[in-house]
Amino acid sequence: MSQTTVDAVADPRYTSARESPPAGTTGPWGWARANLFGTWWSTAVTLLLGYLILRIAVSFFLWGVINAIWTVPYNAQGVANTAICQNAKGIGACWAVIADKYRLILLGRYPYDQQWRPALCVLLFIALYGVSAMRRFWRKELALIWIGTLAAVGLLMWGGVLGMPLVTEDQWGGLPITLILATLGLACAFPLSVLVALGRRSTNMPAVKMLCVLYVELIRGVPLVAILFMANVMFPLFMPAGVNIDKLLRTQVAFILFTGAYLAEVVRGGLQAMPKGQAEAADALGLSYWKKTGFIVLPQALRLVIPPLVNTFIGSFKDTSLVLIIGLFDLLTMGTVALSDPPWQSFSTEVYLTLAVIYFVFCFAMSKYSRGLERELARAHRR
């Protein structure tokens, strides 16, 4: 290399000019040029979609905010006068139905003066999710936190102690029922799925393997509605005389069995994706089967299947809306019950939009957390 070339390369001005990208290729405008306006076809599609999105957003804003009805007057009997909403139908939303029925939708038919108890249970569940999402709490003490929180939820919902009147399950409903079924269902189904997945891959216990295969194929071969119906009808027949299981417990068991079968296949996929060298290295170190599985195989296998695991979690959370067929009133069902009130029967759009937002918030939080966890574990794995 000549001395002129060496001097040019060593010159900071030359280096800066050589390394800086062309103007307009970085930043938001550079990203837009590369992804949205790269070709004439891409530009046309971008402009068309932008127009449609803007048109829909403006229309929804006018309907849902500008022209919306937020409150309505009530007569002496406490009945809402919905004439204002009826006159604005098709022009503006009537969010007054949510203001009038939000307690019924969220907390069900729980006694009005005791509704602070299910509201507190919802906050406890949200706090439990937040603590469980923080990796610094991933210790043995987390199991005690779960046990304590679930015990507190049961104490608050049932009552009968500490001056709280007893409230039976037939008065429960709304968001607490949805969170109880989803949380307990996933918390119990996950360890069950791990055991079933390990049993299905067993080579020295053919009877256990056959039972695991039979369980998974039987549960996956029928819809959840059928399993809920069978749990409601068949479980009491297998109980001793005089022993009666309430509907909530029967439904919870059905959810655990159904979700566990699907999660077992997800976990089995992660186990099959594991390189054999990991297990062979653990065997070479003299680790027992359970130490090898718990400390080496399972952590890596579960990291590989975070997306399908969360997908199953989200599906199970939304499947709680099917408990209507056995007489439980979850969040979606209570929205339908709220619409049975004659003054509000024609405002289902506002109610179902509100319910959709609640479901979306919980499902999006799970999805967002899983993506962050996936990136964090992948970064740690690359190190």
Protein backbone atom coordinates (compact mmCIF):
# COMPACT_ATOMS: atom_id res chain seq x y z
CA MET A 1 0.00 0.00 0.00
CA SER A 2 1.42 3.42 -0.98
CA GLN A 3 2.11 6.14 1.56
CA THR A 4 -0.63 8.33 -0.03
CA THR A 5 -3.21 5.61 0.50
CA VAL A 6 -2.07 5.05 4.09
CA ASP A 7 -2.32 8.77 4.84
CA ALA A 8 -5.77 8.94 3.26
CA VAL A 9 -7.04 6.02 5.29
CA ALA A 10 -5.57 7.47 8.50
CA ASP A 11 -7.13 10.88 7.83
CA PRO A 12 -10.22 11.22 10.15
CA ARG A 13 -12.05 13.28 7.55
CA TYR A 14 -11.54 10.58 4.95
CA THR A 15 -12.58 7.83 7.39
CA SER A 16 -15.73 9.72 8.46
CA ALA A 17 -16.77 10.34 4.87
CA ARG A 18 -16.10 6.73 3.94
CA GLU A 19 -18.02 5.21 6.88
CA SER A 20 -21.05 7.52 7.02
CA PRO A 21 -24.04 6.11 5.07
CA PRO A 22 -25.65 8.15 2.30
CA ALA A 23 -28.17 10.75 3.39
CA GLY A 24 -31.77 9.52 3.45
CA THR A 25 -30.90 5.86 4.06
CA THR A 26 -31.01 5.92 7.87
CA GLY A 27 -33.55 6.94 10.45
CA PRO A 28 -37.34 6.84 10.06
CA TRP A 29 -37.29 8.25 6.53
CA GLY A 30 -34.68 5.73 5.43
CA TRP A 31 -36.73 2.89 6.90
CA ALA A 32 -39.87 4.19 5.16
CA ARG A 33 -38.08 4.45 1.82
CA ALA A 34 -36.74 0.93 2.10
CA ASN A 35 -39.92 -0.75 3.39
CA LEU A 36 -42.87 1.37 2.26
CA PHE A 37 -41.81 3.31 -0.84
CA GLY A 38 -39.13 1.10 -2.35
CA THR A 39 -40.96 0.49 -5.65
CA TRP A 40 -43.97 1.96 -7.41
CA TRP A 41 -46.04 -1.09 -6.43
CA SER A 42 -45.02 -0.79 -2.77
CA THR A 43 -45.76 2.93 -2.85
CA ALA A 44 -49.25 2.35 -4.31
CA VAL A 45 -50.11 -0.29 -1.71
CA THR A 46 -48.77 1.91 1.11
CA LEU A 47 -50.85 4.89 -0.01
CA LEU A 48 -53.99 2.77 -0.42
CA LEU A 49 -53.62 1.12 2.99
CA GLY A 50 -52.77 4.46 4.58
CA TYR A 51 -55.95 5.99 3.15
CA LEU A 52 -58.11 3.09 4.37
CA ILE A 53 -56.55 3.11 7.85
CA LEU A 54 -56.92 6.87 8.14
CA ARG A 55 -60.53 6.72 6.95
CA ILE A 56 -61.41 3.99 9.46
CA ALA A 57 -59.55 5.74 12.30
CA VAL A 58 -61.29 9.07 11.65
CA SER A 59 -64.71 7.39 11.40
CA PHE A 60 -64.16 5.47 14.62
CA PHE A 61 -62.92 8.59 16.41
CA LEU A 62 -66.01 10.52 15.35
CA TRP A 63 -68.31 7.64 16.35
CA GLY A 64 -66.55 6.63 19.55
CA VAL A 65 -65.42 9.99 20.94
CA ILE A 66 -66.73 13.13 19.27
CA ASN A 67 -70.38 12.10 18.78
CA ALA A 68 -70.50 9.59 21.65
CA ILE A 69 -73.00 9.67 24.49
CA TRP A 70 -71.27 9.19 27.83
CA THR A 71 -74.14 9.60 30.30
CA VAL A 72 -77.94 9.42 30.23
CA PRO A 73 -80.55 10.65 32.71
CA TYR A 74 -82.37 8.28 35.09
CA ASN A 75 -85.95 8.43 36.25
CA ALA A 76 -87.13 8.24 39.85
CA GLN A 77 -87.06 4.41 39.76
CA GLY A 78 -83.42 4.39 38.67
CA VAL A 79 -84.19 3.23 35.11
CA ALA A 80 -81.99 4.72 32.40
CA ASN A 81 -83.64 6.93 29.79
CA THR A 82 -81.92 5.81 26.61
CA ALA A 83 -83.83 8.07 24.22
CA ILE A 84 -80.69 10.17 23.68
CA CYS A 85 -78.70 7.08 22.72
CA GLN A 86 -81.46 5.85 20.45
CA ASN A 87 -81.48 9.18 18.60
CA ALA A 88 -77.70 9.05 18.19
CA LYS A 89 -77.60 5.42 17.06
CA GLY A 90 -75.44 5.06 13.96
CA ILE A 91 -73.91 8.49 14.59
CA GLY A 92 -72.27 8.14 17.97
CA ALA A 93 -71.52 5.39 20.46
CA CYS A 94 -73.51 5.04 23.66
CA TRP A 95 -70.85 4.42 26.30
CA ALA A 96 -73.47 5.09 28.97
CA VAL A 97 -74.26 1.37 28.87
CA ILE A 98 -70.76 0.67 30.21
CA ALA A 99 -71.10 3.34 32.89
CA ASP A 100 -74.39 1.76 33.97
CA LYS A 101 -73.42 -1.93 33.72
CA TYR A 102 -69.68 -2.06 34.41
CA ARG A 103 -70.11 -3.59 37.87
CA LEU A 104 -72.33 -6.36 36.53
CA ILE A 105 -69.98 -7.05 33.61
CA LEU A 106 -66.76 -7.08 35.63
CA LEU A 107 -67.91 -8.52 38.96
CA GLY A 108 -71.02 -10.52 38.06
CA ARG A 109 -73.88 -11.07 40.47
CA TYR A 110 -71.70 -10.78 43.57
CA PRO A 111 -73.56 -8.92 46.38
CA TYR A 112 -73.30 -5.22 45.66
CA ASP A 113 -72.02 -4.20 49.09
CA GLN A 114 -69.33 -6.90 48.96
CA GLN A 115 -68.01 -6.26 45.45
CA TRP A 116 -64.80 -4.82 46.86
CA ARG A 117 -63.78 -8.44 47.50
CA PRO A 118 -63.77 -9.69 43.86
CA ALA A 119 -62.29 -6.33 42.79
CA LEU A 120 -59.43 -6.90 45.24
CA CYS A 121 -59.02 -10.44 43.87
CA VAL A 122 -58.55 -9.05 40.36
CA LEU A 123 -55.83 -6.73 41.66
CA LEU A 124 -54.17 -9.65 43.47
CA PHE A 125 -54.12 -11.67 40.25
CA ILE A 126 -52.58 -8.79 38.30
CA ALA A 127 -49.95 -8.30 41.02
CA LEU A 128 -49.22 -12.03 40.96
CA TYR A 129 -48.68 -11.91 37.19
CA GLY A 130 -46.37 -8.94 37.57
CA VAL A 131 -44.25 -10.59 40.26
CA SER A 132 -44.08 -13.87 38.31
CA ALA A 133 -42.89 -12.01 35.20
CA MET A 134 -39.80 -10.63 36.98
CA ARG A 135 -36.86 -13.00 36.71
CA ARG A 136 -35.39 -11.88 40.01
CA PHE A 137 -38.37 -13.56 41.71
CA TRP A 138 -37.79 -16.90 39.97
CA ARG A 139 -36.85 -18.68 43.18
CA LYS A 140 -38.44 -21.27 45.42
CA GLU A 141 -40.17 -18.49 47.31
CA LEU A 142 -42.29 -17.76 44.23
CA ALA A 143 -44.25 -20.96 44.87
CA LEU A 144 -45.09 -19.66 48.35
CA ILE A 145 -46.22 -16.36 46.82
CA TRP A 146 -48.54 -18.25 44.47
CA ILE A 147 -49.95 -20.38 47.28
CA GLY A 148 -50.49 -17.36 49.51
CA THR A 149 -52.13 -15.30 46.75
CA LEU A 150 -54.47 -18.10 45.67
CA ALA A 151 -55.39 -18.75 49.31
CA ALA A 152 -56.17 -15.05 49.75
CA VAL A 153 -58.31 -15.08 46.60
CA GLY A 154 -60.27 -18.08 47.85
CA LEU A 155 -60.72 -16.47 51.26
CA LEU A 156 -61.98 -13.23 49.75
CA MET A 157 -64.31 -14.85 47.23
CA TRP A 158 -65.93 -17.34 49.62
CA GLY A 159 -65.77 -15.32 52.82
CA GLY A 160 -67.45 -16.75 55.87
CA VAL A 161 -64.56 -15.62 58.09
CA LEU A 162 -63.12 -12.36 59.44
CA GLY A 163 -66.56 -10.75 59.38
CA MET A 164 -67.07 -11.36 55.64
CA PRO A 165 -70.41 -12.99 54.79
CA LEU A 166 -70.34 -16.28 52.90
CA VAL A 167 -70.86 -15.97 49.13
CA THR A 168 -71.38 -19.22 47.23
CA GLU A 169 -70.02 -19.95 43.76
CA ASP A 170 -73.39 -19.51 42.05
CA GLN A 171 -73.10 -15.76 42.75
CA TRP A 172 -69.61 -15.43 41.30
CA GLY A 173 -69.10 -14.13 37.80
CA GLY A 174 -67.37 -11.69 35.50
CA LEU A 175 -63.63 -11.12 35.36
CA PRO A 176 -62.78 -12.99 38.61
CA ILE A 177 -64.23 -16.23 37.21
CA THR A 178 -62.22 -15.81 34.00
CA LEU A 179 -58.99 -15.16 35.92
CA ILE A 180 -59.57 -18.01 38.38
CA LEU A 181 -60.20 -20.56 35.64
CA ALA A 182 -57.33 -19.35 33.46
CA THR A 183 -54.75 -18.94 36.25
CA LEU A 184 -55.43 -22.15 38.12
CA GLY A 185 -55.89 -24.03 34.86
CA LEU A 186 -52.50 -22.99 33.48
CA ALA A 187 -50.69 -23.25 36.82
CA CYS A 188 -51.81 -26.87 37.29
CA ALA A 189 -51.78 -27.88 33.63
CA PHE A 190 -48.16 -26.91 33.04
CA PRO A 191 -46.52 -29.37 35.49
CA LEU A 192 -49.02 -32.01 34.33
CA SER A 193 -47.97 -31.38 30.72
CA VAL A 194 -44.28 -31.76 31.59
CA LEU A 195 -44.90 -35.12 33.26
CA VAL A 196 -47.06 -36.32 30.36
CA ALA A 197 -44.45 -35.22 27.80
CA LEU A 198 -41.70 -37.02 29.70
CA GLY A 199 -43.89 -40.10 30.08
CA ARG A 200 -44.71 -40.13 26.37
CA ARG A 201 -40.99 -40.14 25.54
CA SER A 202 -40.22 -42.86 28.08
CA THR A 203 -38.50 -45.95 26.68
CA ASN A 204 -38.34 -48.18 29.77
CA MET A 205 -41.92 -47.70 31.03
CA PRO A 206 -44.25 -48.84 28.22
CA ALA A 207 -47.37 -48.81 30.41
CA VAL A 208 -46.80 -45.16 31.42
CA LYS A 209 -46.07 -44.24 27.82
CA MET A 210 -49.29 -45.90 26.64
CA LEU A 211 -51.35 -44.06 29.28
CA CYS A 212 -49.80 -40.72 28.32
CA VAL A 213 -50.45 -41.32 24.62
CA LEU A 214 -54.03 -42.36 25.35
CA TYR A 215 -54.63 -39.29 27.51
CA VAL A 216 -53.27 -36.84 24.93
CA GLU A 217 -55.04 -38.38 21.95
CA LEU A 218 -58.34 -38.72 23.80
CA ILE A 219 -58.39 -35.12 25.04
CA ARG A 220 -57.23 -33.65 21.74
CA GLY A 221 -59.78 -35.70 19.84
CA VAL A 222 -62.83 -33.99 21.36
CA PRO A 223 -63.75 -30.29 21.65
CA LEU A 224 -63.55 -28.41 24.94
CA VAL A 225 -67.32 -28.04 25.01
CA ALA A 226 -67.68 -31.83 25.15
CA ILE A 227 -65.11 -32.11 27.94
CA LEU A 228 -66.85 -29.41 29.97
CA PHE A 229 -70.19 -31.13 29.51
CA MET A 230 -68.76 -34.53 30.48
CA ALA A 231 -67.07 -33.03 33.54
CA ASN A 232 -70.34 -31.48 34.62
CA VAL A 233 -72.32 -34.71 34.12
CA MET A 234 -69.86 -37.57 34.68
CA PHE A 235 -67.67 -36.41 37.58
CA PRO A 236 -70.48 -36.66 40.16
CA LEU A 237 -71.18 -40.25 39.04
CA PHE A 238 -67.66 -41.34 40.05
CA MET A 239 -67.87 -39.75 43.50
CA PRO A 240 -68.88 -41.71 46.62
CA ALA A 241 -72.44 -41.36 47.82
CA GLY A 242 -73.03 -38.05 49.54
CA VAL A 243 -69.99 -36.36 47.98
CA ASN A 244 -70.87 -33.52 45.66
CA ILE A 245 -68.36 -31.46 43.66
CA ASP A 246 -69.45 -27.93 42.82
CA LYS A 247 -69.57 -26.72 39.23
CA LEU A 248 -66.56 -24.46 39.54
CA LEU A 249 -64.28 -27.29 40.67
CA ARG A 250 -65.58 -29.62 37.95
CA THR A 251 -64.97 -26.92 35.36
CA GLN A 252 -61.49 -26.24 36.72
CA VAL A 253 -60.54 -29.92 36.47
CA ALA A 254 -61.83 -30.03 32.89
CA PHE A 255 -59.72 -27.00 31.97
CA ILE A 256 -56.62 -28.49 33.57
CA LEU A 257 -57.00 -31.78 31.70
CA PHE A 258 -57.74 -30.08 28.37
CA THR A 259 -54.93 -27.53 28.57
CA GLY A 260 -52.47 -30.10 29.91
CA ALA A 261 -52.91 -32.31 26.82
CA TYR A 262 -52.12 -29.47 24.42
CA LEU A 263 -49.21 -28.18 26.50
CA ALA A 264 -47.79 -31.71 26.68
CA GLU A 265 -47.40 -31.82 22.91
CA VAL A 266 -45.71 -28.42 22.93
CA VAL A 267 -43.25 -29.55 25.62
CA ARG A 268 -42.65 -32.82 23.77
CA GLY A 269 -41.73 -30.82 20.67
CA GLY A 270 -39.14 -28.92 22.68
CA LEU A 271 -37.72 -32.15 24.10
CA GLN A 272 -37.41 -33.66 20.63
CA ALA A 273 -35.63 -30.54 19.37
CA MET A 274 -32.93 -30.87 22.02
CA PRO A 275 -29.55 -32.11 20.73
CA LYS A 276 -28.75 -35.56 22.07
CA GLY A 277 -25.33 -34.38 23.12
CA GLN A 278 -26.80 -32.42 26.02
CA ALA A 279 -28.34 -35.51 27.62
CA GLU A 280 -25.26 -37.59 26.83
CA ALA A 281 -23.01 -35.01 28.52
CA ALA A 282 -25.26 -35.10 31.60
CA ASP A 283 -25.05 -38.89 31.66
CA ALA A 284 -21.28 -38.68 31.40
CA LEU A 285 -21.25 -36.45 34.48
CA GLY A 286 -23.17 -39.11 36.39
CA LEU A 287 -26.32 -37.05 36.93
CA SER A 288 -29.53 -38.87 37.83
CA TYR A 289 -32.50 -38.84 35.47
CA TRP A 290 -34.39 -36.16 37.38
CA LYS A 291 -31.35 -33.91 37.85
CA LYS A 292 -30.49 -34.26 34.18
CA THR A 293 -34.06 -33.46 33.19
CA GLY A 294 -34.61 -30.63 35.66
CA PHE A 295 -31.30 -28.81 35.34
CA ILE A 296 -30.19 -29.46 31.76
CA VAL A 297 -32.85 -30.82 29.43
CA LEU A 298 -36.05 -29.03 30.45
CA PRO A 299 -34.67 -25.45 30.72
CA GLN A 300 -33.28 -25.65 27.19
CA ALA A 301 -36.33 -27.44 25.78
CA LEU A 302 -38.76 -24.91 27.22
CA ARG A 303 -36.70 -22.02 25.87
CA LEU A 304 -37.16 -23.43 22.38
CA VAL A 305 -40.96 -23.57 22.64
CA ILE A 306 -41.81 -20.24 24.28
CA PRO A 307 -43.94 -19.03 21.30
CA PRO A 308 -46.21 -22.13 21.12
CA LEU A 309 -46.44 -22.23 24.91
CA VAL A 310 -47.69 -18.66 25.06
CA ASN A 311 -50.00 -19.33 22.13
CA THR A 312 -51.60 -22.15 24.14
CA PHE A 313 -51.83 -19.90 27.20
CA ILE A 314 -53.66 -17.24 25.19
CA GLY A 315 -56.02 -19.79 23.68
CA SER A 316 -56.82 -21.19 27.12
CA PHE A 317 -57.50 -17.72 28.51
CA LYS A 318 -60.06 -17.07 25.76
CA ASP A 319 -61.56 -20.56 26.03
CA THR A 320 -62.90 -19.66 29.47
CA SER A 321 -65.80 -18.01 27.63
CA LEU A 322 -67.18 -21.52 26.92
CA VAL A 323 -68.14 -22.16 30.55
CA LEU A 324 -71.57 -20.68 29.82
CA ILE A 325 -72.77 -24.12 28.72
CA ILE A 326 -72.51 -25.46 32.27
CA GLY A 327 -73.97 -22.45 34.02
CA LEU A 328 -70.93 -20.37 34.98
CA PHE A 329 -70.97 -16.66 34.19
CA ASP A 330 -67.57 -15.49 32.99
CA LEU A 331 -66.66 -12.06 31.66
CA LEU A 332 -68.16 -12.54 28.18
CA THR A 333 -71.33 -14.13 29.56
CA MET A 334 -71.87 -11.26 31.99
CA GLY A 335 -71.64 -8.85 29.07
CA THR A 336 -74.45 -10.77 27.40
CA VAL A 337 -76.44 -10.73 30.66
CA ALA A 338 -76.01 -6.95 30.87
CA LEU A 339 -77.56 -6.62 27.42
CA SER A 340 -80.67 -8.49 28.57
CA ASP A 341 -81.80 -5.31 30.34
CA PRO A 342 -84.46 -3.88 27.96
CA PRO A 343 -83.17 -0.26 27.87
CA TRP A 344 -79.73 -1.45 26.71
CA GLN A 345 -80.56 -4.33 24.38
CA SER A 346 -79.71 -2.45 21.20
CA PHE A 347 -76.22 -1.36 22.31
CA SER A 348 -74.32 -4.61 22.02
CA THR A 349 -71.56 -3.06 19.90
CA GLU A 350 -70.33 -0.90 22.76
CA VAL A 351 -70.42 -3.78 25.26
CA TYR A 352 -68.60 -6.27 23.05
CA LEU A 353 -66.00 -3.68 22.05
CA THR A 354 -65.28 -3.09 25.74
CA LEU A 355 -64.99 -6.84 26.37
CA ALA A 356 -62.70 -7.18 23.35
CA VAL A 357 -60.41 -4.49 24.78
CA ILE A 358 -60.21 -6.33 28.13
CA TYR A 359 -59.37 -9.65 26.46
CA PHE A 360 -56.88 -7.93 24.16
CA VAL A 361 -55.05 -6.26 27.07
CA PHE A 362 -54.48 -9.57 28.85
CA CYS A 363 -53.55 -11.49 25.69
CA PHE A 364 -51.27 -8.76 24.35
CA ALA A 365 -49.50 -8.54 27.71
CA MET A 366 -48.75 -12.28 27.52
CA SER A 367 -47.55 -11.97 23.94
CA LYS A 368 -45.39 -8.91 24.66
CA TYR A 369 -43.81 -10.54 27.70
CA SER A 370 -43.05 -13.74 25.80
CA ARG A 371 -41.25 -11.83 23.05
CA GLY A 372 -39.15 -9.98 25.59
CA LEU A 373 -38.35 -13.20 27.46
CA GLU A 374 -37.45 -14.91 24.20
CA ARG A 375 -35.00 -12.14 23.27
CA GLU A 376 -33.47 -12.12 26.75
CA LEU A 377 -32.95 -15.88 26.85
CA ALA A 378 -31.59 -15.90 23.31
CA ARG A 379 -29.08 -13.17 24.26
CA ALA A 380 -28.00 -15.15 27.30
CA HIS A 381 -27.67 -18.27 25.17
CA ARG A 382 -25.43 -16.48 22.65
CA ARG A 383 -23.08 -15.45 25.44
